[in-house]
């Protein structure tokens, strides 16, 4: 679908009309926002399976790794799993940086300041991202210039700090797409076949990054996720706080909104 990507914001934060920085939020930040703010979402980045009481399955290590991230293992021998009442498996993606905009169909109704104020009473401005691929590359490059080990969550910071200097190699990669809106993030598992059909665990976590509940579908969110990783440690978690990045590079990839 041809789309326009619009960022609604407070005029002080409009990067094409003088705002000094661009802010990236985090999953944990959006989970814990004030409940009165429409973009708060306690389930951000959450993957959950709930099991019907009495549901049974032969849980091999391979199936556990695929569907449950290896949470339950039998040391190579299959385990017989029988779910108790209220049994569930829940995990959350490592905390990462996200930048959220709203998509509009290129041929549909045009965005307005009324749409902006629906996100918050202080939102009185907007700008348009013109070159999506360039925008995310520029933002990822700018992020690598301001990020430090101090921005990592304590467990990830400790892991990185234990590495020899020659292995201090942290990368930033970007995934971007439309958010999918679903009735519930919680997937009910009633049979062993249901468990076998669950997305492989790493893919399920990526899917969770771009899944929200249908009650928020009017946000029409398009999301850029900036993930920190290390070749040996894999994905690293960042602190909950948003990060602000100088805007000097963004003039060529964003412009004032033009209907």
C-alpha atoms as a PDB file:
ATOM      1  CA  UNK A   1       0.000   0.000   0.000  1.00  0.00           C
ATOM      2  CA  UNK A   2       1.245   3.498  -0.838  1.00  0.00           C
ATOM      3  CA  UNK A   3       1.315   5.428   2.395  1.00  0.00           C
ATOM      4  CA  UNK A   4       2.347   8.677   3.966  1.00  0.00           C
ATOM      5  CA  UNK A   5       4.237   8.489   7.260  1.00  0.00           C
ATOM      6  CA  UNK A   6       3.300  11.341   9.581  1.00  0.00           C
ATOM      7  CA  UNK A   7       4.844  12.155  12.946  1.00  0.00           C
ATOM      8  CA  UNK A   8       2.479  13.962  15.316  1.00  0.00           C
ATOM      9  CA  UNK A   9       4.263  15.913  18.038  1.00  0.00           C
ATOM     10  CA  UNK A  10       4.447  19.018  20.163  1.00  0.00           C
ATOM     11  CA  UNK A  11       5.684  21.965  18.079  1.00  0.00           C
ATOM     12  CA  UNK A  12       8.778  22.222  20.305  1.00  0.00           C
ATOM     13  CA  UNK A  13       9.758  18.725  19.129  1.00  0.00           C
ATOM     14  CA  UNK A  14       9.135  19.190  15.407  1.00  0.00           C
ATOM     15  CA  UNK A  15      12.545  18.451  13.907  1.00  0.00           C
ATOM     16  CA  UNK A  16      11.884  20.328  10.668  1.00  0.00           C
ATOM     17  CA  UNK A  17      10.750  23.568  12.301  1.00  0.00           C
ATOM     18  CA  UNK A  18      13.499  24.003  14.874  1.00  0.00           C
ATOM     19  CA  UNK A  19      13.160  21.165  17.372  1.00  0.00           C
ATOM     20  CA  UNK A  20      16.705  20.397  18.602  1.00  0.00           C
ATOM     21  CA  UNK A  21      16.388  16.625  19.103  1.00  0.00           C
ATOM     22  CA  UNK A  22      14.437  13.582  18.008  1.00  0.00           C
ATOM     23  CA  UNK A  23      13.302  11.231  20.761  1.00  0.00           C
ATOM     24  CA  UNK A  24      13.260   7.445  20.653  1.00  0.00           C
ATOM     25  CA  UNK A  25      11.085   5.768  23.260  1.00  0.00           C
ATOM     26  CA  UNK A  26      11.533   2.243  24.594  1.00  0.00           C
ATOM     27  CA  UNK A  27       9.148  -0.664  25.041  1.00  0.00           C
ATOM     28  CA  UNK A  28       9.386  -0.357  28.807  1.00  0.00           C
ATOM     29  CA  UNK A  29       8.773   3.389  28.623  1.00  0.00           C
ATOM     30  CA  UNK A  30       5.491   2.827  26.761  1.00  0.00           C
ATOM     31  CA  UNK A  31       4.483   0.056  29.182  1.00  0.00           C
ATOM     32  CA  UNK A  32       4.737   2.409  32.152  1.00  0.00           C
ATOM     33  CA  UNK A  33       3.423   5.709  30.781  1.00  0.00           C
ATOM     34  CA  UNK A  34       0.684   7.516  32.652  1.00  0.00           C
ATOM     35  CA  UNK A  35      -2.562   5.590  31.978  1.00  0.00           C
ATOM     36  CA  UNK A  36      -4.223   8.792  30.725  1.00  0.00           C
ATOM     37  CA  UNK A  37      -1.826   8.946  27.758  1.00  0.00           C
ATOM     38  CA  UNK A  38      -3.343   7.191  24.745  1.00  0.00           C
ATOM     39  CA  UNK A  39      -0.086   5.576  23.570  1.00  0.00           C
ATOM     40  CA  UNK A  40       0.510   3.763  26.875  1.00  0.00           C
ATOM     41  CA  UNK A  41       0.483   0.005  26.334  1.00  0.00           C
ATOM     42  CA  UNK A  42       1.315  -2.353  29.244  1.00  0.00           C
ATOM     43  CA  UNK A  43       1.653  -5.266  26.805  1.00  0.00           C
ATOM     44  CA  UNK A  44       4.364  -3.769  24.566  1.00  0.00           C
ATOM     45  CA  UNK A  45       6.661  -6.502  23.242  1.00  0.00           C
ATOM     46  CA  UNK A  46       4.846  -9.250  25.141  1.00  0.00           C
ATOM     47  CA  UNK A  47       4.484 -12.836  23.883  1.00  0.00           C
ATOM     48  CA  UNK A  48       2.006 -14.993  25.821  1.00  0.00           C
ATOM     49  CA  UNK A  49       0.612 -18.501  25.491  1.00  0.00           C
ATOM     50  CA  UNK A  50      -2.215 -19.608  27.800  1.00  0.00           C
ATOM     51  CA  UNK A  51      -2.955 -23.316  28.206  1.00  0.00           C
ATOM     52  CA  UNK A  52      -6.360 -24.964  28.573  1.00  0.00           C
ATOM     53  CA  UNK A  53      -6.610 -26.738  31.907  1.00  0.00           C
ATOM     54  CA  UNK A  54      -5.708 -30.405  31.431  1.00  0.00           C
ATOM     55  CA  UNK A  55      -4.138 -29.829  28.014  1.00  0.00           C
ATOM     56  CA  UNK A  56      -1.332 -32.365  27.546  1.00  0.00           C
ATOM     57  CA  UNK A  57       1.660 -32.511  25.218  1.00  0.00           C
ATOM     58  CA  UNK A  58       4.839 -34.464  24.720  1.00  0.00           C
ATOM     59  CA  UNK A  59       7.360 -31.705  25.148  1.00  0.00           C
ATOM     60  CA  UNK A  60      10.638 -32.530  23.441  1.00  0.00           C
ATOM     61  CA  UNK A  61      13.620 -30.225  23.864  1.00  0.00           C
ATOM     62  CA  UNK A  62      13.183 -29.269  20.211  1.00  0.00           C
ATOM     63  CA  UNK A  63       9.537 -28.297  20.708  1.00  0.00           C
ATOM     64  CA  UNK A  64      10.368 -26.442  23.921  1.00  0.00           C
ATOM     65  CA  UNK A  65      13.096 -24.471  22.143  1.00  0.00           C
ATOM     66  CA  UNK A  66      10.834 -23.700  19.197  1.00  0.00           C
ATOM     67  CA  UNK A  67       7.679 -22.677  21.048  1.00  0.00           C
ATOM     68  CA  UNK A  68       8.815 -21.796  24.584  1.00  0.00           C
ATOM     69  CA  UNK A  69      12.334 -20.519  24.090  1.00  0.00           C
ATOM     70  CA  UNK A  70      13.737 -23.587  25.869  1.00  0.00           C
ATOM     71  CA  UNK A  71      11.997 -22.653  29.135  1.00  0.00           C
ATOM     72  CA  UNK A  72      11.255 -26.314  29.934  1.00  0.00           C
ATOM     73  CA  UNK A  73      13.729 -29.065  29.080  1.00  0.00           C
ATOM     74  CA  UNK A  74      14.023 -32.737  29.834  1.00  0.00           C
ATOM     75  CA  UNK A  75      17.741 -33.122  29.247  1.00  0.00           C
ATOM     76  CA  UNK A  76      17.112 -34.809  25.904  1.00  0.00           C
ATOM     77  CA  UNK A  77      14.244 -36.985  27.119  1.00  0.00           C
ATOM     78  CA  UNK A  78      10.661 -35.901  26.197  1.00  0.00           C
ATOM     79  CA  UNK A  79       8.534 -34.555  29.039  1.00  0.00           C
ATOM     80  CA  UNK A  80       4.815 -35.116  29.416  1.00  0.00           C
ATOM     81  CA  UNK A  81       3.261 -31.740  30.097  1.00  0.00           C
ATOM     82  CA  UNK A  82      -0.208 -31.445  31.656  1.00  0.00           C
ATOM     83  CA  UNK A  83      -1.402 -27.881  32.097  1.00  0.00           C
ATOM     84  CA  UNK A  84      -2.833 -26.773  35.420  1.00  0.00           C
ATOM     85  CA  UNK A  85      -5.617 -24.223  35.679  1.00  0.00           C
ATOM     86  CA  UNK A  86      -4.349 -20.780  34.763  1.00  0.00           C
ATOM     87  CA  UNK A  87      -1.086 -22.054  33.270  1.00  0.00           C
ATOM     88  CA  UNK A  88       0.611 -19.661  30.881  1.00  0.00           C
ATOM     89  CA  UNK A  89       3.989 -18.861  29.356  1.00  0.00           C
ATOM     90  CA  UNK A  90       4.805 -15.175  29.062  1.00  0.00           C
ATOM     91  CA  UNK A  91       7.959 -13.414  28.021  1.00  0.00           C
ATOM     92  CA  UNK A  92       8.873  -9.910  26.925  1.00  0.00           C
ATOM     93  CA  UNK A  93      11.279  -8.819  24.256  1.00  0.00           C
ATOM     94  CA  UNK A  94      14.510  -7.241  25.453  1.00  0.00           C
ATOM     95  CA  UNK A  95      13.963  -3.515  25.858  1.00  0.00           C
ATOM     96  CA  UNK A  96      14.834  -1.648  22.667  1.00  0.00           C
ATOM     97  CA  UNK A  97      14.364   1.815  21.174  1.00  0.00           C
ATOM     98  CA  UNK A  98      11.303   2.534  19.050  1.00  0.00           C
ATOM     99  CA  UNK A  99      10.143   5.469  16.951  1.00  0.00           C
ATOM    100  CA  UNK A 100       6.439   5.471  16.142  1.00  0.00           C
ATOM    101  CA  UNK A 101       4.608   7.376  13.427  1.00  0.00           C
ATOM    102  CA  UNK A 102       1.125   7.210  11.938  1.00  0.00           C
ATOM    103  CA  UNK A 103       0.469   5.952   8.430  1.00  0.00           C
ATOM    104  CA  UNK A 104      -2.143   7.353   6.106  1.00  0.00           C
ATOM    105  CA  UNK A 105      -3.162   5.986   2.743  1.00  0.00           C
ATOM    106  CA  UNK A 106      -1.757   8.123  -0.054  1.00  0.00           C
ATOM    107  CA  UNK A 107      -5.248   8.218  -1.581  1.00  0.00           C
ATOM    108  CA  UNK A 108      -7.317   8.430   1.611  1.00  0.00           C
ATOM    109  CA  UNK A 109      -8.318  11.246   3.991  1.00  0.00           C
ATOM    110  CA  UNK A 110      -5.479  13.631   4.771  1.00  0.00           C
ATOM    111  CA  UNK A 111      -4.082  13.972   8.310  1.00  0.00           C
ATOM    112  CA  UNK A 112      -5.023  16.973  10.395  1.00  0.00           C
ATOM    113  CA  UNK A 113      -4.148  18.608  13.682  1.00  0.00           C
ATOM    114  CA  UNK A 114      -7.310  17.015  15.018  1.00  0.00           C
ATOM    115  CA  UNK A 115      -5.650  13.636  14.430  1.00  0.00           C
ATOM    116  CA  UNK A 116      -2.575  14.916  16.256  1.00  0.00           C
ATOM    117  CA  UNK A 117      -4.547  16.012  19.322  1.00  0.00           C
ATOM    118  CA  UNK A 118      -6.135  12.588  19.548  1.00  0.00           C
ATOM    119  CA  UNK A 119      -2.730  11.343  20.729  1.00  0.00           C
ATOM    120  CA  UNK A 120      -2.364  14.032  23.389  1.00  0.00           C
ATOM    121  CA  UNK A 121      -3.626  17.562  24.088  1.00  0.00           C
ATOM    122  CA  UNK A 122      -0.108  19.024  23.676  1.00  0.00           C
ATOM    123  CA  UNK A 123       0.312  17.604  20.151  1.00  0.00           C
ATOM    124  CA  UNK A 124      -0.067  20.670  17.938  1.00  0.00           C
ATOM    125  CA  UNK A 125       2.331  19.950  15.091  1.00  0.00           C
ATOM    126  CA  UNK A 126       3.352  17.294  12.566  1.00  0.00           C
ATOM    127  CA  UNK A 127       5.923  16.475   9.916  1.00  0.00           C
ATOM    128  CA  UNK A 128       6.246  13.902   7.166  1.00  0.00           C
ATOM    129  CA  UNK A 129       8.959  11.282   6.635  1.00  0.00           C
ATOM    130  CA  UNK A 130       9.667  11.376   2.917  1.00  0.00           C
ATOM    131  CA  UNK A 131      12.317   8.694   2.455  1.00  0.00           C
ATOM    132  CA  UNK A 132      11.644   5.832   4.843  1.00  0.00           C
ATOM    133  CA  UNK A 133      14.787   3.795   4.122  1.00  0.00           C
ATOM    134  CA  UNK A 134      17.100   6.794   4.307  1.00  0.00           C
ATOM    135  CA  UNK A 135      15.379   7.987   7.463  1.00  0.00           C
ATOM    136  CA  UNK A 136      15.987   4.745   9.329  1.00  0.00           C
ATOM    137  CA  UNK A 137      19.619   4.545   8.177  1.00  0.00           C
ATOM    138  CA  UNK A 138      20.295   8.132   9.210  1.00  0.00           C
ATOM    139  CA  UNK A 139      18.628   7.587  12.576  1.00  0.00           C
ATOM    140  CA  UNK A 140      20.487   4.321  13.211  1.00  0.00           C
ATOM    141  CA  UNK A 141      23.819   5.981  12.374  1.00  0.00           C
ATOM    142  CA  UNK A 142      23.017   8.926  14.645  1.00  0.00           C
ATOM    143  CA  UNK A 143      22.063   6.545  17.454  1.00  0.00           C
ATOM    144  CA  UNK A 144      25.446   4.786  17.258  1.00  0.00           C
ATOM    145  CA  UNK A 145      27.135   8.159  17.846  1.00  0.00           C
ATOM    146  CA  UNK A 146      25.318   8.899  21.110  1.00  0.00           C
ATOM    147  CA  UNK A 147      24.778   5.457  22.632  1.00  0.00           C
ATOM    148  CA  UNK A 148      27.142   4.407  25.420  1.00  0.00           C
ATOM    149  CA  UNK A 149      27.405   1.418  27.716  1.00  0.00           C
ATOM    150  CA  UNK A 150      25.611   3.532  30.329  1.00  0.00           C
ATOM    151  CA  UNK A 151      22.462   3.310  28.191  1.00  0.00           C
ATOM    152  CA  UNK A 152      22.356  -0.482  28.595  1.00  0.00           C
ATOM    153  CA  UNK A 153      20.143  -2.110  31.213  1.00  0.00           C
ATOM    154  CA  UNK A 154      22.117  -3.436  34.218  1.00  0.00           C
ATOM    155  CA  UNK A 155      22.264  -7.103  33.139  1.00  0.00           C
ATOM    156  CA  UNK A 156      23.354  -6.246  29.578  1.00  0.00           C
ATOM    157  CA  UNK A 157      25.809  -3.648  30.874  1.00  0.00           C
ATOM    158  CA  UNK A 158      27.414  -6.220  33.171  1.00  0.00           C
ATOM    159  CA  UNK A 159      27.684  -8.744  30.344  1.00  0.00           C
ATOM    160  CA  UNK A 160      29.327  -6.237  28.005  1.00  0.00           C
ATOM    161  CA  UNK A 161      31.638  -4.938  30.740  1.00  0.00           C
ATOM    162  CA  UNK A 162      32.974  -8.453  31.263  1.00  0.00           C
ATOM    163  CA  UNK A 163      34.184  -8.726  27.663  1.00  0.00           C
ATOM    164  CA  UNK A 164      37.765  -8.097  26.560  1.00  0.00           C
ATOM    165  CA  UNK A 165      38.342  -4.838  24.687  1.00  0.00           C
ATOM    166  CA  UNK A 166      38.701  -6.617  21.347  1.00  0.00           C
ATOM    167  CA  UNK A 167      35.107  -7.852  21.691  1.00  0.00           C
ATOM    168  CA  UNK A 168      33.470  -4.530  22.534  1.00  0.00           C
ATOM    169  CA  UNK A 169      31.473  -4.578  19.328  1.00  0.00           C
ATOM    170  CA  UNK A 170      27.870  -3.388  19.679  1.00  0.00           C
ATOM    171  CA  UNK A 171      25.746  -3.019  16.575  1.00  0.00           C
ATOM    172  CA  UNK A 172      22.454  -1.274  15.894  1.00  0.00           C
ATOM    173  CA  UNK A 173      20.033  -2.852  13.451  1.00  0.00           C
ATOM    174  CA  UNK A 174      16.611  -1.621  12.431  1.00  0.00           C
ATOM    175  CA  UNK A 175      13.334  -3.411  11.732  1.00  0.00           C
ATOM    176  CA  UNK A 176      10.396  -1.374  10.481  1.00  0.00           C
ATOM    177  CA  UNK A 177       6.840  -2.219   9.452  1.00  0.00           C
ATOM    178  CA  UNK A 178       3.189  -1.518  10.088  1.00  0.00           C
ATOM    179  CA  UNK A 179       1.876  -2.623  13.464  1.00  0.00           C
ATOM    180  CA  UNK A 180      -0.617  -5.506  13.330  1.00  0.00           C
ATOM    181  CA  UNK A 181      -3.720  -5.123  15.494  1.00  0.00           C
ATOM    182  CA  UNK A 182      -5.136  -8.293  17.045  1.00  0.00           C
ATOM    183  CA  UNK A 183      -8.045  -9.113  19.343  1.00  0.00           C
ATOM    184  CA  UNK A 184      -5.653 -10.426  21.992  1.00  0.00           C
ATOM    185  CA  UNK A 185      -1.917 -10.945  22.311  1.00  0.00           C
ATOM    186  CA  UNK A 186      -2.676 -14.007  24.413  1.00  0.00           C
ATOM    187  CA  UNK A 187      -2.763 -17.158  22.255  1.00  0.00           C
ATOM    188  CA  UNK A 188      -4.851 -19.994  23.686  1.00  0.00           C
ATOM    189  CA  UNK A 189      -3.210 -23.434  23.418  1.00  0.00           C
ATOM    190  CA  UNK A 190      -5.798 -26.201  23.651  1.00  0.00           C
ATOM    191  CA  UNK A 191      -3.963 -29.144  22.061  1.00  0.00           C
ATOM    192  CA  UNK A 192      -0.451 -30.338  21.349  1.00  0.00           C
ATOM    193  CA  UNK A 193      -1.039 -29.490  17.680  1.00  0.00           C
ATOM    194  CA  UNK A 194      -1.787 -25.880  18.694  1.00  0.00           C
ATOM    195  CA  UNK A 195       1.585 -25.748  20.442  1.00  0.00           C
ATOM    196  CA  UNK A 196       3.351 -27.124  17.378  1.00  0.00           C
ATOM    197  CA  UNK A 197       1.778 -24.408  15.230  1.00  0.00           C
ATOM    198  CA  UNK A 198       3.067 -21.558  17.385  1.00  0.00           C
ATOM    199  CA  UNK A 199       5.578 -19.342  15.586  1.00  0.00           C
ATOM    200  CA  UNK A 200       9.183 -20.324  16.371  1.00  0.00           C
ATOM    201  CA  UNK A 201      10.232 -18.479  19.510  1.00  0.00           C
ATOM    202  CA  UNK A 202      12.631 -15.926  17.975  1.00  0.00           C
ATOM    203  CA  UNK A 203      10.095 -15.087  15.281  1.00  0.00           C
ATOM    204  CA  UNK A 204       7.300 -14.878  17.853  1.00  0.00           C
ATOM    205  CA  UNK A 205       9.243 -12.254  19.801  1.00  0.00           C
ATOM    206  CA  UNK A 206       9.838 -10.201  16.652  1.00  0.00           C
ATOM    207  CA  UNK A 207       6.125 -10.500  15.893  1.00  0.00           C
ATOM    208  CA  UNK A 208       5.334  -9.287  19.417  1.00  0.00           C
ATOM    209  CA  UNK A 209       7.354  -6.156  18.708  1.00  0.00           C
ATOM    210  CA  UNK A 210       4.899  -5.209  15.963  1.00  0.00           C
ATOM    211  CA  UNK A 211       1.633  -6.398  17.536  1.00  0.00           C
ATOM    212  CA  UNK A 212      -0.883  -4.344  19.487  1.00  0.00           C
ATOM    213  CA  UNK A 213      -4.465  -4.954  20.528  1.00  0.00           C
ATOM    214  CA  UNK A 214      -7.316  -3.890  18.305  1.00  0.00           C
ATOM    215  CA  UNK A 215      -8.523  -1.261  20.778  1.00  0.00           C
ATOM    216  CA  UNK A 216      -5.533   0.846  19.600  1.00  0.00           C
ATOM    217  CA  UNK A 217      -6.093   0.310  15.871  1.00  0.00           C
ATOM    218  CA  UNK A 218      -7.122   3.943  15.319  1.00  0.00           C
ATOM    219  CA  UNK A 219      -3.448   4.845  15.901  1.00  0.00           C
ATOM    220  CA  UNK A 220      -2.485   3.216  12.543  1.00  0.00           C
ATOM    221  CA  UNK A 221       1.056   2.880  13.816  1.00  0.00           C
ATOM    222  CA  UNK A 222       4.114   2.373  11.655  1.00  0.00           C
ATOM    223  CA  UNK A 223       7.076   1.494  13.838  1.00  0.00           C
ATOM    224  CA  UNK A 224      10.847   1.706  13.542  1.00  0.00           C
ATOM    225  CA  UNK A 225      12.593  -0.538  16.095  1.00  0.00           C
ATOM    226  CA  UNK A 226      16.281   0.047  16.846  1.00  0.00           C
ATOM    227  CA  UNK A 227      17.821  -3.027  18.419  1.00  0.00           C
ATOM    228  CA  UNK A 228      21.249  -3.239  20.041  1.00  0.00           C
ATOM    229  CA  UNK A 229      23.104  -6.508  19.619  1.00  0.00           C
ATOM    230  CA  UNK A 230      26.478  -8.125  20.155  1.00  0.00           C
ATOM    231  CA  UNK A 231      27.867 -10.962  17.993  1.00  0.00           C
ATOM    232  CA  UNK A 232      28.267 -13.260  21.003  1.00  0.00           C
ATOM    233  CA  UNK A 233      25.778 -11.891  23.536  1.00  0.00           C
ATOM    234  CA  UNK A 234      23.015 -11.416  20.940  1.00  0.00           C
ATOM    235  CA  UNK A 235      20.284  -8.874  21.732  1.00  0.00           C
ATOM    236  CA  UNK A 236      21.069  -6.355  24.449  1.00  0.00           C
ATOM    237  CA  UNK A 237      18.498  -4.591  26.605  1.00  0.00           C
ATOM    238  CA  UNK A 238      18.541  -0.826  27.111  1.00  0.00           C
ATOM    239  CA  UNK A 239      17.432   1.265  30.070  1.00  0.00           C
ATOM    240  CA  UNK A 240      13.736   2.278  30.192  1.00  0.00           C
ATOM    241  CA  UNK A 241      14.361   5.971  29.552  1.00  0.00           C
ATOM    242  CA  UNK A 242      13.888   7.462  26.085  1.00  0.00           C
ATOM    243  CA  UNK A 243      16.967   8.774  24.317  1.00  0.00           C
ATOM    244  CA  UNK A 244      17.286  12.098  22.491  1.00  0.00           C
ATOM    245  CA  UNK A 245      19.397  12.463  19.361  1.00  0.00           C
ATOM    246  CA  UNK A 246      20.569  15.753  17.715  1.00  0.00           C
ATOM    247  CA  UNK A 247      18.569  16.481  14.569  1.00  0.00           C
ATOM    248  CA  UNK A 248      21.194  17.957  12.252  1.00  0.00           C
ATOM    249  CA  UNK A 249      20.984  15.020   9.815  1.00  0.00           C
ATOM    250  CA  UNK A 250      17.232  14.867   9.362  1.00  0.00           C
ATOM    251  CA  UNK A 251      16.490  17.865   7.153  1.00  0.00           C
ATOM    252  CA  UNK A 252      16.898  15.803   3.989  1.00  0.00           C
ATOM    253  CA  UNK A 253      14.575  12.957   4.986  1.00  0.00           C
ATOM    254  CA  UNK A 254      11.736  14.804   6.750  1.00  0.00           C
ATOM    255  CA  UNK A 255       9.727  17.856   5.726  1.00  0.00           C
ATOM    256  CA  UNK A 256       6.928  20.010   7.083  1.00  0.00           C
ATOM    257  CA  UNK A 257       3.611  18.319   6.485  1.00  0.00           C
ATOM    258  CA  UNK A 258       2.084  19.359   3.171  1.00  0.00           C
ATOM    259  CA  UNK A 259      -1.497  18.233   2.406  1.00  0.00           C
END
